[in-house]
């Protein structure tokens, strides 16, 4: 079922397959600024993908449908910032998750997720690109099911991990080649 007149807001960038997919099917808008209740209330669905701001509780409480976030980790592991780096550093599952946004950081109910096998030949950049591509495809393949309420949200367990932007600053010695650092070098420095 296509919802031709449905208004969708993408919190993220236009240079993605997610934006292209949404824009071809719905009345789609895009923004990178901080989301307010006034803006959010204009849309039927809001999708967060590579969005850099925490969405405030008053916005979450005043939307028509739960805000959907595309996150590059196998939740509940590596909530928050730089999940790809931390999955290598902490030796946790690699994967992708689509979840509803709640008041926590990446703690909302999971709609769908997928574990992704990545071998040691990757760099941070190539593993990020692989996860990003898989995440876009997972969203595109399942958005109609989400709209039609064919996917039952699953409550996250209280286990897992979370990292903040500041956590990466203490690991700069590991990232001697920035995002082109081989993942084997990160795994070798695990604590």
C-alpha atoms as a PDB file:
ATOM      1  CA  UNK A   1       0.000   0.000   0.000  1.00  0.00           C
ATOM      2  CA  UNK A   2       1.414   3.363  -0.963  1.00  0.00           C
ATOM      3  CA  UNK A   3       0.527   6.344   1.190  1.00  0.00           C
ATOM      4  CA  UNK A   4       0.769   8.997  -1.525  1.00  0.00           C
ATOM      5  CA  UNK A   5      -0.198  11.991   0.553  1.00  0.00           C
ATOM      6  CA  UNK A   6       1.669  10.900   3.652  1.00  0.00           C
ATOM      7  CA  UNK A   7       4.131  13.509   4.902  1.00  0.00           C
ATOM      8  CA  UNK A   8       7.517  12.128   5.939  1.00  0.00           C
ATOM      9  CA  UNK A   9      10.439  13.970   7.521  1.00  0.00           C
ATOM     10  CA  UNK A  10      13.923  12.566   7.126  1.00  0.00           C
ATOM     11  CA  UNK A  11      16.284  13.742   9.833  1.00  0.00           C
ATOM     12  CA  UNK A  12      19.487  13.228   7.902  1.00  0.00           C
ATOM     13  CA  UNK A  13      21.082  13.785   4.551  1.00  0.00           C
ATOM     14  CA  UNK A  14      19.618  13.771   1.049  1.00  0.00           C
ATOM     15  CA  UNK A  15      22.559  11.828  -0.415  1.00  0.00           C
ATOM     16  CA  UNK A  16      21.199   8.446   0.637  1.00  0.00           C
ATOM     17  CA  UNK A  17      19.089   5.668  -0.789  1.00  0.00           C
ATOM     18  CA  UNK A  18      16.764   6.145   2.185  1.00  0.00           C
ATOM     19  CA  UNK A  19      15.958   9.705   1.076  1.00  0.00           C
ATOM     20  CA  UNK A  20      15.595   8.655  -2.572  1.00  0.00           C
ATOM     21  CA  UNK A  21      13.223   5.845  -1.604  1.00  0.00           C
ATOM     22  CA  UNK A  22      11.063   8.063   0.600  1.00  0.00           C
ATOM     23  CA  UNK A  23      11.071  10.967  -1.853  1.00  0.00           C
ATOM     24  CA  UNK A  24       9.812   8.772  -4.700  1.00  0.00           C
ATOM     25  CA  UNK A  25       6.824   7.583  -2.666  1.00  0.00           C
ATOM     26  CA  UNK A  26       5.772  10.251  -0.178  1.00  0.00           C
ATOM     27  CA  UNK A  27       5.674  13.978   0.429  1.00  0.00           C
ATOM     28  CA  UNK A  28       9.195  13.917   1.869  1.00  0.00           C
ATOM     29  CA  UNK A  29      11.086  16.704   3.580  1.00  0.00           C
ATOM     30  CA  UNK A  30      14.609  16.650   4.973  1.00  0.00           C
ATOM     31  CA  UNK A  31      16.435  18.563   7.676  1.00  0.00           C
ATOM     32  CA  UNK A  32      19.573  18.462   9.820  1.00  0.00           C
ATOM     33  CA  UNK A  33      18.589  21.117  12.395  1.00  0.00           C
ATOM     34  CA  UNK A  34      17.222  20.454  15.870  1.00  0.00           C
ATOM     35  CA  UNK A  35      13.705  19.038  15.681  1.00  0.00           C
ATOM     36  CA  UNK A  36      10.990  21.014  17.465  1.00  0.00           C
ATOM     37  CA  UNK A  37       7.422  20.063  18.350  1.00  0.00           C
ATOM     38  CA  UNK A  38       6.162  22.665  15.857  1.00  0.00           C
ATOM     39  CA  UNK A  39       8.044  21.011  13.001  1.00  0.00           C
ATOM     40  CA  UNK A  40       7.455  17.409  14.097  1.00  0.00           C
ATOM     41  CA  UNK A  41       3.696  17.895  14.387  1.00  0.00           C
ATOM     42  CA  UNK A  42       3.471  18.571  10.633  1.00  0.00           C
ATOM     43  CA  UNK A  43       4.515  15.010   9.680  1.00  0.00           C
ATOM     44  CA  UNK A  44       2.940  11.574   9.684  1.00  0.00           C
ATOM     45  CA  UNK A  45       6.278   9.779  10.048  1.00  0.00           C
ATOM     46  CA  UNK A  46       9.742  10.906  11.068  1.00  0.00           C
ATOM     47  CA  UNK A  47      12.824   8.881  10.185  1.00  0.00           C
ATOM     48  CA  UNK A  48      16.186   9.557  11.829  1.00  0.00           C
ATOM     49  CA  UNK A  49      19.196   8.395   9.820  1.00  0.00           C
ATOM     50  CA  UNK A  50      22.712   9.743  10.499  1.00  0.00           C
ATOM     51  CA  UNK A  51      21.087  12.523  12.535  1.00  0.00           C
ATOM     52  CA  UNK A  52      23.406  14.204  15.038  1.00  0.00           C
ATOM     53  CA  UNK A  53      20.944  15.618  17.588  1.00  0.00           C
ATOM     54  CA  UNK A  54      19.160  14.029  20.526  1.00  0.00           C
ATOM     55  CA  UNK A  55      15.410  14.337  20.083  1.00  0.00           C
ATOM     56  CA  UNK A  56      13.787  15.918  23.113  1.00  0.00           C
ATOM     57  CA  UNK A  57      11.021  14.282  25.126  1.00  0.00           C
ATOM     58  CA  UNK A  58       8.412  16.939  24.257  1.00  0.00           C
ATOM     59  CA  UNK A  59       8.884  16.070  20.573  1.00  0.00           C
ATOM     60  CA  UNK A  60       8.679  12.315  21.222  1.00  0.00           C
ATOM     61  CA  UNK A  61       5.464  12.850  23.196  1.00  0.00           C
ATOM     62  CA  UNK A  62       3.799  14.916  20.456  1.00  0.00           C
ATOM     63  CA  UNK A  63       4.231  12.958  17.211  1.00  0.00           C
ATOM     64  CA  UNK A  64       1.593  11.005  15.312  1.00  0.00           C
ATOM     65  CA  UNK A  65       3.652   7.827  15.081  1.00  0.00           C
ATOM     66  CA  UNK A  66       6.804   6.715  16.882  1.00  0.00           C
ATOM     67  CA  UNK A  67       9.960   8.273  15.434  1.00  0.00           C
ATOM     68  CA  UNK A  68      12.037   5.617  13.690  1.00  0.00           C
ATOM     69  CA  UNK A  69      15.820   5.528  13.995  1.00  0.00           C
ATOM     70  CA  UNK A  70      18.266   3.667  11.769  1.00  0.00           C
ATOM     71  CA  UNK A  71      21.261   2.693  13.905  1.00  0.00           C
ATOM     72  CA  UNK A  72      24.480   1.053  12.809  1.00  0.00           C
ATOM     73  CA  UNK A  73      24.836  -1.496  15.592  1.00  0.00           C
ATOM     74  CA  UNK A  74      23.282  -4.720  16.763  1.00  0.00           C
ATOM     75  CA  UNK A  75      21.357  -3.250  19.688  1.00  0.00           C
ATOM     76  CA  UNK A  76      21.531  -3.306  22.663  1.00  0.00           C
ATOM     77  CA  UNK A  77      25.284  -3.221  21.961  1.00  0.00           C
ATOM     78  CA  UNK A  78      27.007   0.025  21.019  1.00  0.00           C
ATOM     79  CA  UNK A  79      24.211   2.483  21.597  1.00  0.00           C
ATOM     80  CA  UNK A  80      25.229   6.097  21.020  1.00  0.00           C
ATOM     81  CA  UNK A  81      28.194   7.455  19.071  1.00  0.00           C
ATOM     82  CA  UNK A  82      30.639   5.641  16.776  1.00  0.00           C
ATOM     83  CA  UNK A  83      29.021   2.191  17.040  1.00  0.00           C
ATOM     84  CA  UNK A  84      31.133   0.708  14.242  1.00  0.00           C
ATOM     85  CA  UNK A  85      34.392   1.585  16.010  1.00  0.00           C
ATOM     86  CA  UNK A  86      33.162   0.253  19.339  1.00  0.00           C
ATOM     87  CA  UNK A  87      31.943  -3.032  17.872  1.00  0.00           C
ATOM     88  CA  UNK A  88      35.541  -3.727  16.812  1.00  0.00           C
ATOM     89  CA  UNK A  89      37.154  -2.280  19.922  1.00  0.00           C
ATOM     90  CA  UNK A  90      34.851  -4.117  22.363  1.00  0.00           C
ATOM     91  CA  UNK A  91      34.539  -7.245  20.193  1.00  0.00           C
ATOM     92  CA  UNK A  92      30.736  -7.177  20.166  1.00  0.00           C
ATOM     93  CA  UNK A  93      28.318  -8.303  17.478  1.00  0.00           C
ATOM     94  CA  UNK A  94      28.338  -6.257  14.294  1.00  0.00           C
ATOM     95  CA  UNK A  95      25.002  -5.400  12.807  1.00  0.00           C
ATOM     96  CA  UNK A  96      22.243  -2.930  12.164  1.00  0.00           C
ATOM     97  CA  UNK A  97      19.008  -2.045  13.930  1.00  0.00           C
ATOM     98  CA  UNK A  98      15.866  -0.105  13.154  1.00  0.00           C
ATOM     99  CA  UNK A  99      14.137   1.005  16.340  1.00  0.00           C
ATOM    100  CA  UNK A 100      11.633   3.436  17.760  1.00  0.00           C
ATOM    101  CA  UNK A 101      13.040   6.472  19.523  1.00  0.00           C
ATOM    102  CA  UNK A 102      12.288   6.857  23.206  1.00  0.00           C
ATOM    103  CA  UNK A 103      13.742   9.103  25.912  1.00  0.00           C
ATOM    104  CA  UNK A 104      17.038   7.167  26.086  1.00  0.00           C
ATOM    105  CA  UNK A 105      19.920   6.998  23.639  1.00  0.00           C
ATOM    106  CA  UNK A 106      19.180   4.144  21.212  1.00  0.00           C
ATOM    107  CA  UNK A 107      17.116   2.349  23.860  1.00  0.00           C
ATOM    108  CA  UNK A 108      13.740   2.271  22.100  1.00  0.00           C
ATOM    109  CA  UNK A 109      11.856  -0.824  21.034  1.00  0.00           C
ATOM    110  CA  UNK A 110      13.487  -2.688  18.158  1.00  0.00           C
ATOM    111  CA  UNK A 111      11.465  -3.088  14.971  1.00  0.00           C
ATOM    112  CA  UNK A 112      13.980  -5.112  12.990  1.00  0.00           C
ATOM    113  CA  UNK A 113      17.672  -5.874  13.155  1.00  0.00           C
ATOM    114  CA  UNK A 114      20.250  -7.948  11.365  1.00  0.00           C
ATOM    115  CA  UNK A 115      23.618  -9.302  12.395  1.00  0.00           C
ATOM    116  CA  UNK A 116      26.261  -8.612   9.727  1.00  0.00           C
ATOM    117  CA  UNK A 117      29.370 -10.717   9.404  1.00  0.00           C
ATOM    118  CA  UNK A 118      32.469  -8.617   8.757  1.00  0.00           C
ATOM    119  CA  UNK A 119      35.925 -10.154   8.469  1.00  0.00           C
ATOM    120  CA  UNK A 120      39.272  -8.752   9.554  1.00  0.00           C
ATOM    121  CA  UNK A 121      40.203  -7.483   6.087  1.00  0.00           C
ATOM    122  CA  UNK A 122      38.089  -4.360   6.603  1.00  0.00           C
ATOM    123  CA  UNK A 123      39.081  -0.859   7.605  1.00  0.00           C
ATOM    124  CA  UNK A 124      36.768   1.246   9.742  1.00  0.00           C
ATOM    125  CA  UNK A 125      35.650   3.019   6.568  1.00  0.00           C
ATOM    126  CA  UNK A 126      34.918  -0.139   4.558  1.00  0.00           C
ATOM    127  CA  UNK A 127      33.082  -1.806   7.454  1.00  0.00           C
ATOM    128  CA  UNK A 128      31.055   1.395   7.975  1.00  0.00           C
ATOM    129  CA  UNK A 129      30.169   1.487   4.270  1.00  0.00           C
ATOM    130  CA  UNK A 130      29.083  -2.161   4.343  1.00  0.00           C
ATOM    131  CA  UNK A 131      26.898  -1.635   7.424  1.00  0.00           C
ATOM    132  CA  UNK A 132      25.472   1.584   5.965  1.00  0.00           C
ATOM    133  CA  UNK A 133      24.487  -0.141   2.725  1.00  0.00           C
ATOM    134  CA  UNK A 134      22.905  -3.039   4.625  1.00  0.00           C
ATOM    135  CA  UNK A 135      21.001  -0.582   6.854  1.00  0.00           C
ATOM    136  CA  UNK A 136      19.569   1.326   3.893  1.00  0.00           C
ATOM    137  CA  UNK A 137      18.469  -1.940   2.258  1.00  0.00           C
ATOM    138  CA  UNK A 138      16.914  -3.248   5.485  1.00  0.00           C
ATOM    139  CA  UNK A 139      14.902  -0.039   5.826  1.00  0.00           C
ATOM    140  CA  UNK A 140      13.777   0.014   2.185  1.00  0.00           C
ATOM    141  CA  UNK A 141      12.795  -3.673   2.307  1.00  0.00           C
ATOM    142  CA  UNK A 142      10.751  -3.236   5.495  1.00  0.00           C
ATOM    143  CA  UNK A 143       9.299   0.278   5.588  1.00  0.00           C
ATOM    144  CA  UNK A 144       5.952  -0.799   4.129  1.00  0.00           C
ATOM    145  CA  UNK A 145       5.695  -3.446   6.863  1.00  0.00           C
ATOM    146  CA  UNK A 146       6.460  -0.812   9.485  1.00  0.00           C
ATOM    147  CA  UNK A 147       3.801   1.517   8.048  1.00  0.00           C
ATOM    148  CA  UNK A 148       1.239  -1.268   7.933  1.00  0.00           C
ATOM    149  CA  UNK A 149       2.036  -2.294  11.536  1.00  0.00           C
ATOM    150  CA  UNK A 150       3.114  -5.758  10.376  1.00  0.00           C
ATOM    151  CA  UNK A 151       6.187  -5.671  12.643  1.00  0.00           C
ATOM    152  CA  UNK A 152       5.727  -5.948  16.388  1.00  0.00           C
ATOM    153  CA  UNK A 153       8.237  -3.836  18.338  1.00  0.00           C
ATOM    154  CA  UNK A 154      10.444  -5.776  20.751  1.00  0.00           C
ATOM    155  CA  UNK A 155      11.577  -4.221  24.026  1.00  0.00           C
ATOM    156  CA  UNK A 156      15.359  -4.011  24.336  1.00  0.00           C
ATOM    157  CA  UNK A 157      17.074  -5.851  27.139  1.00  0.00           C
ATOM    158  CA  UNK A 158      18.840  -3.791  29.780  1.00  0.00           C
ATOM    159  CA  UNK A 159      22.223  -5.266  28.849  1.00  0.00           C
ATOM    160  CA  UNK A 160      24.501  -3.926  26.145  1.00  0.00           C
ATOM    161  CA  UNK A 161      26.767  -0.914  25.970  1.00  0.00           C
ATOM    162  CA  UNK A 162      26.685   2.793  25.238  1.00  0.00           C
ATOM    163  CA  UNK A 163      29.390   5.189  24.085  1.00  0.00           C
ATOM    164  CA  UNK A 164      29.518   8.955  23.762  1.00  0.00           C
ATOM    165  CA  UNK A 165      31.450  11.182  21.331  1.00  0.00           C
ATOM    166  CA  UNK A 166      33.953  12.024  24.076  1.00  0.00           C
ATOM    167  CA  UNK A 167      34.806   8.320  24.559  1.00  0.00           C
ATOM    168  CA  UNK A 168      36.556   8.194  21.197  1.00  0.00           C
ATOM    169  CA  UNK A 169      38.975  11.012  22.096  1.00  0.00           C
ATOM    170  CA  UNK A 170      40.860   8.701  24.463  1.00  0.00           C
ATOM    171  CA  UNK A 171      41.325   6.200  21.624  1.00  0.00           C
ATOM    172  CA  UNK A 172      42.974   8.480  19.051  1.00  0.00           C
ATOM    173  CA  UNK A 173      46.272   6.568  19.330  1.00  0.00           C
ATOM    174  CA  UNK A 174      44.492   3.545  17.840  1.00  0.00           C
ATOM    175  CA  UNK A 175      43.197   5.580  14.887  1.00  0.00           C
ATOM    176  CA  UNK A 176      46.579   6.415  13.375  1.00  0.00           C
ATOM    177  CA  UNK A 177      45.050   6.226   9.870  1.00  0.00           C
ATOM    178  CA  UNK A 178      41.712   7.770  10.854  1.00  0.00           C
ATOM    179  CA  UNK A 179      38.768   5.922   9.337  1.00  0.00           C
ATOM    180  CA  UNK A 180      41.156   4.007   7.058  1.00  0.00           C
ATOM    181  CA  UNK A 181      42.629   2.220  10.085  1.00  0.00           C
ATOM    182  CA  UNK A 182      42.500  -1.554   9.572  1.00  0.00           C
ATOM    183  CA  UNK A 183      40.127  -3.206  12.039  1.00  0.00           C
ATOM    184  CA  UNK A 184      42.851  -5.703  13.000  1.00  0.00           C
ATOM    185  CA  UNK A 185      44.766  -2.796  14.559  1.00  0.00           C
ATOM    186  CA  UNK A 186      41.740  -1.872  16.660  1.00  0.00           C
ATOM    187  CA  UNK A 187      41.199  -5.466  17.723  1.00  0.00           C
ATOM    188  CA  UNK A 188      44.884  -5.713  18.716  1.00  0.00           C
ATOM    189  CA  UNK A 189      44.413  -2.797  21.159  1.00  0.00           C
ATOM    190  CA  UNK A 190      41.375  -4.225  22.930  1.00  0.00           C
ATOM    191  CA  UNK A 191      41.389  -3.720  26.670  1.00  0.00           C
END
